[in-house]
């Protein structure tokens, strides 16, 4: 894993957390962060992965979330917008 955020925040103990990517690959790392960015993009399918994020002016990455955590926009799935 490359270029992850600095480990931990002041006053928070780090524990091993299993993070999962959209492709279902998992990494167990010590972290107190709510999510991590996987920037290495080393797997053959990374360039065409639908979970890949390509921010303007920055390197592409994949968001790694703690295993079992809902997607941050999951609550919006049931939202009904007026026409």
N, C-alpha and C. Protein backbone atom coordinates (compact mmCIF):
# COMPACT_ATOMS: atom_id res chain seq x y z
N UNK A 1 0.85 -1.16 0.00
CA UNK A 1 0.00 0.00 0.00
C UNK A 1 0.90 1.22 0.00
N UNK A 2 0.60 2.17 -0.84
CA UNK A 2 1.44 3.34 -0.92
C UNK A 2 0.67 4.59 -0.54
N UNK A 3 1.38 5.57 -0.09
CA UNK A 3 0.87 6.89 0.27
C UNK A 3 -0.41 6.87 1.08
N UNK A 4 -0.41 6.18 2.19
CA UNK A 4 -1.58 6.24 3.05
C UNK A 4 -1.43 7.40 4.00
N UNK A 5 -2.51 7.81 4.60
CA UNK A 5 -2.49 8.92 5.54
C UNK A 5 -1.58 8.59 6.72
N UNK A 6 -1.10 9.62 7.40
CA UNK A 6 -0.29 9.34 8.60
C UNK A 6 -1.08 8.45 9.55
N UNK A 7 -0.40 7.50 10.13
CA UNK A 7 -1.07 6.51 10.99
C UNK A 7 -1.56 7.11 12.28
N UNK A 8 -2.84 7.00 12.51
CA UNK A 8 -3.42 7.40 13.79
C UNK A 8 -3.58 8.89 13.98
N UNK A 9 -4.39 9.22 14.92
CA UNK A 9 -4.59 10.60 15.33
C UNK A 9 -4.14 10.72 16.76
N UNK A 10 -3.83 11.91 17.17
CA UNK A 10 -3.35 12.12 18.53
C UNK A 10 -4.32 11.54 19.55
N UNK A 11 -3.84 10.74 20.44
CA UNK A 11 -4.65 10.19 21.51
C UNK A 11 -5.43 8.94 21.14
N UNK A 12 -5.32 8.47 19.89
CA UNK A 12 -6.05 7.27 19.48
C UNK A 12 -5.09 6.10 19.35
N UNK A 13 -5.43 4.99 19.96
CA UNK A 13 -4.61 3.79 19.85
C UNK A 13 -4.89 3.13 18.51
N UNK A 14 -3.84 2.60 17.91
CA UNK A 14 -4.00 1.90 16.65
C UNK A 14 -4.25 0.42 16.89
N UNK A 15 -5.21 -0.12 16.17
CA UNK A 15 -5.48 -1.54 16.20
C UNK A 15 -5.48 -2.04 14.77
N UNK A 16 -5.24 -3.33 14.58
CA UNK A 16 -5.29 -3.89 13.23
C UNK A 16 -6.74 -3.89 12.76
N UNK A 17 -6.97 -3.32 11.61
CA UNK A 17 -8.29 -3.24 11.00
C UNK A 17 -8.19 -3.88 9.62
N UNK A 18 -9.19 -4.67 9.26
CA UNK A 18 -9.21 -5.23 7.92
C UNK A 18 -9.99 -4.28 7.02
N UNK A 19 -9.30 -3.76 6.01
CA UNK A 19 -9.90 -2.86 5.04
C UNK A 19 -10.20 -3.63 3.78
N UNK A 20 -11.28 -3.24 3.10
CA UNK A 20 -11.66 -3.93 1.87
C UNK A 20 -11.86 -2.93 0.74
N UNK A 21 -11.38 -3.30 -0.44
CA UNK A 21 -11.56 -2.48 -1.64
C UNK A 21 -12.84 -2.90 -2.34
N UNK A 22 -13.26 -2.12 -3.31
CA UNK A 22 -14.45 -2.44 -4.09
C UNK A 22 -14.33 -3.76 -4.82
N UNK A 23 -13.10 -4.18 -5.15
CA UNK A 23 -12.87 -5.45 -5.85
C UNK A 23 -12.87 -6.63 -4.87
N UNK A 24 -13.09 -6.35 -3.59
CA UNK A 24 -13.15 -7.33 -2.49
C UNK A 24 -11.79 -7.78 -1.99
N UNK A 25 -10.69 -7.22 -2.49
CA UNK A 25 -9.38 -7.52 -1.90
C UNK A 25 -9.35 -6.91 -0.51
N UNK A 26 -8.61 -7.56 0.39
CA UNK A 26 -8.56 -7.09 1.77
C UNK A 26 -7.12 -6.92 2.24
N UNK A 27 -6.92 -5.94 3.12
CA UNK A 27 -5.64 -5.68 3.76
C UNK A 27 -5.90 -5.49 5.25
N UNK A 28 -5.11 -6.12 6.10
CA UNK A 28 -5.19 -5.91 7.54
C UNK A 28 -3.99 -5.06 7.94
N UNK A 29 -4.27 -3.86 8.40
CA UNK A 29 -3.20 -2.91 8.75
C UNK A 29 -3.56 -2.21 10.06
N UNK A 30 -2.55 -1.76 10.80
CA UNK A 30 -2.83 -0.97 12.01
C UNK A 30 -3.25 0.44 11.60
N UNK A 31 -4.42 0.85 11.99
CA UNK A 31 -4.90 2.18 11.62
C UNK A 31 -6.05 2.62 12.51
N UNK A 32 -6.13 3.91 12.75
CA UNK A 32 -7.26 4.50 13.46
C UNK A 32 -8.08 5.34 12.48
N UNK A 33 -7.77 5.24 11.18
CA UNK A 33 -8.45 6.04 10.16
C UNK A 33 -9.76 5.39 9.74
N UNK A 34 -10.76 6.19 9.31
CA UNK A 34 -12.03 5.63 8.87
C UNK A 34 -11.97 5.00 7.50
N UNK A 35 -10.99 5.39 6.69
CA UNK A 35 -10.77 4.77 5.39
C UNK A 35 -9.36 5.10 4.93
N UNK A 36 -8.90 4.37 3.92
CA UNK A 36 -7.57 4.57 3.37
C UNK A 36 -7.67 4.68 1.85
N UNK A 37 -6.65 5.24 1.22
CA UNK A 37 -6.60 5.31 -0.24
C UNK A 37 -5.48 4.39 -0.73
N UNK A 38 -5.84 3.48 -1.61
CA UNK A 38 -4.86 2.58 -2.22
C UNK A 38 -4.44 3.21 -3.54
N UNK A 39 -3.22 3.74 -3.59
CA UNK A 39 -2.75 4.47 -4.77
C UNK A 39 -1.82 3.67 -5.67
N UNK A 40 -1.35 2.55 -5.19
CA UNK A 40 -0.38 1.78 -5.99
C UNK A 40 -1.00 1.27 -7.29
N UNK A 41 -2.27 0.86 -7.26
CA UNK A 41 -2.98 0.38 -8.44
C UNK A 41 -2.18 -0.71 -9.16
N UNK A 42 -1.70 -1.70 -8.40
CA UNK A 42 -0.78 -2.71 -8.91
C UNK A 42 -1.43 -3.93 -9.53
N UNK A 43 -2.74 -4.07 -9.43
CA UNK A 43 -3.39 -5.26 -9.94
C UNK A 43 -3.80 -5.03 -11.40
N UNK A 44 -3.79 -6.07 -12.22
CA UNK A 44 -4.05 -5.90 -13.65
C UNK A 44 -5.40 -5.25 -13.97
N UNK A 45 -6.41 -5.49 -13.15
CA UNK A 45 -7.72 -4.92 -13.44
C UNK A 45 -7.91 -3.50 -12.91
N UNK A 46 -6.95 -2.96 -12.17
CA UNK A 46 -7.10 -1.62 -11.58
C UNK A 46 -7.43 -0.52 -12.61
N UNK A 47 -6.79 -0.49 -13.78
CA UNK A 47 -7.10 0.60 -14.72
C UNK A 47 -8.55 0.62 -15.21
N UNK A 48 -9.24 -0.50 -15.18
CA UNK A 48 -10.62 -0.54 -15.66
C UNK A 48 -11.63 -0.81 -14.55
N UNK A 49 -11.19 -0.82 -13.31
CA UNK A 49 -12.07 -1.11 -12.17
C UNK A 49 -13.14 -0.03 -12.02
N UNK A 50 -14.41 -0.42 -11.86
CA UNK A 50 -15.46 0.59 -11.68
C UNK A 50 -15.39 1.32 -10.34
N UNK A 51 -14.58 0.82 -9.41
CA UNK A 51 -14.45 1.45 -8.09
C UNK A 51 -13.28 2.44 -8.04
N UNK A 52 -12.54 2.55 -9.11
CA UNK A 52 -11.38 3.45 -9.19
C UNK A 52 -11.86 4.91 -9.19
N UNK A 53 -11.18 5.74 -8.42
CA UNK A 53 -11.48 7.17 -8.36
C UNK A 53 -10.35 7.90 -9.06
N UNK A 54 -10.71 8.80 -9.97
CA UNK A 54 -9.70 9.55 -10.72
C UNK A 54 -9.91 11.05 -10.51
N UNK A 55 -9.39 11.59 -9.41
CA UNK A 55 -9.57 13.02 -9.15
C UNK A 55 -8.76 13.87 -10.12
N UNK A 56 -9.30 15.01 -10.45
CA UNK A 56 -8.61 15.92 -11.36
C UNK A 56 -7.34 16.45 -10.70
N UNK A 57 -6.22 16.30 -11.37
CA UNK A 57 -4.96 16.81 -10.86
C UNK A 57 -4.28 15.95 -9.81
N UNK A 58 -4.75 14.72 -9.61
CA UNK A 58 -4.14 13.83 -8.61
C UNK A 58 -4.11 12.41 -9.14
N UNK A 59 -3.33 11.58 -8.49
CA UNK A 59 -3.20 10.18 -8.90
C UNK A 59 -4.50 9.42 -8.62
N UNK A 60 -4.85 8.45 -9.48
CA UNK A 60 -6.04 7.64 -9.22
C UNK A 60 -5.84 6.79 -7.97
N UNK A 61 -6.94 6.41 -7.33
CA UNK A 61 -6.86 5.59 -6.13
C UNK A 61 -8.13 4.78 -5.96
N UNK A 62 -8.07 3.85 -5.04
CA UNK A 62 -9.22 3.06 -4.63
C UNK A 62 -9.42 3.31 -3.14
N UNK A 63 -10.65 3.54 -2.74
CA UNK A 63 -10.94 3.76 -1.33
C UNK A 63 -11.08 2.43 -0.62
N UNK A 64 -10.34 2.27 0.45
CA UNK A 64 -10.41 1.07 1.28
C UNK A 64 -11.21 1.41 2.53
N UNK A 65 -12.27 0.66 2.76
CA UNK A 65 -13.11 0.89 3.93
C UNK A 65 -13.02 -0.30 4.87
N UNK A 66 -13.20 -0.08 6.17
CA UNK A 66 -13.19 -1.20 7.11
C UNK A 66 -14.21 -2.26 6.69
N UNK A 67 -13.81 -3.50 6.77
CA UNK A 67 -14.65 -4.62 6.40
C UNK A 67 -15.98 -4.54 7.13
N UNK A 68 -17.08 -4.69 6.41
CA UNK A 68 -18.40 -4.65 7.01
C UNK A 68 -19.01 -3.26 7.13
N UNK A 69 -18.27 -2.24 6.75
CA UNK A 69 -18.77 -0.87 6.82
C UNK A 69 -19.58 -0.55 5.57
N UNK A 70 -20.70 0.08 5.74
CA UNK A 70 -21.53 0.47 4.60
C UNK A 70 -20.84 1.58 3.81
N UNK A 71 -21.12 1.62 2.53
CA UNK A 71 -20.62 2.70 1.68
C UNK A 71 -21.16 4.02 2.22
N UNK A 72 -20.36 5.09 2.19
CA UNK A 72 -20.82 6.36 2.78
C UNK A 72 -22.09 6.91 2.13
N UNK A 73 -22.39 6.52 0.89
CA UNK A 73 -23.59 7.01 0.22
C UNK A 73 -24.73 6.00 0.25
N UNK A 74 -24.58 4.91 1.01
CA UNK A 74 -25.60 3.86 1.06
C UNK A 74 -26.95 4.41 1.51
N UNK A 75 -26.95 5.36 2.41
CA UNK A 75 -28.20 5.92 2.91
C UNK A 75 -28.97 6.65 1.81
N UNK A 76 -28.28 7.07 0.76
CA UNK A 76 -28.94 7.79 -0.33
C UNK A 76 -29.65 6.84 -1.30
N UNK A 77 -29.43 5.55 -1.19
CA UNK A 77 -30.01 4.58 -2.13
C UNK A 77 -31.53 4.64 -2.15
N UNK A 78 -32.16 4.89 -1.03
CA UNK A 78 -33.61 4.93 -0.96
C UNK A 78 -34.18 6.32 -1.15
N UNK A 79 -33.35 7.29 -1.41
CA UNK A 79 -33.81 8.67 -1.57
C UNK A 79 -34.63 8.82 -2.84
N UNK A 80 -35.81 9.42 -2.71
CA UNK A 80 -36.67 9.66 -3.86
C UNK A 80 -36.72 11.17 -4.10
N UNK A 81 -36.19 11.59 -5.22
CA UNK A 81 -36.17 13.00 -5.56
C UNK A 81 -37.42 13.38 -6.33
N UNK A 82 -37.99 14.54 -6.06
CA UNK A 82 -39.16 14.97 -6.82
C UNK A 82 -38.74 15.32 -8.24
N UNK A 83 -39.64 15.07 -9.17
CA UNK A 83 -39.32 15.38 -10.58
C UNK A 83 -39.57 16.82 -10.91
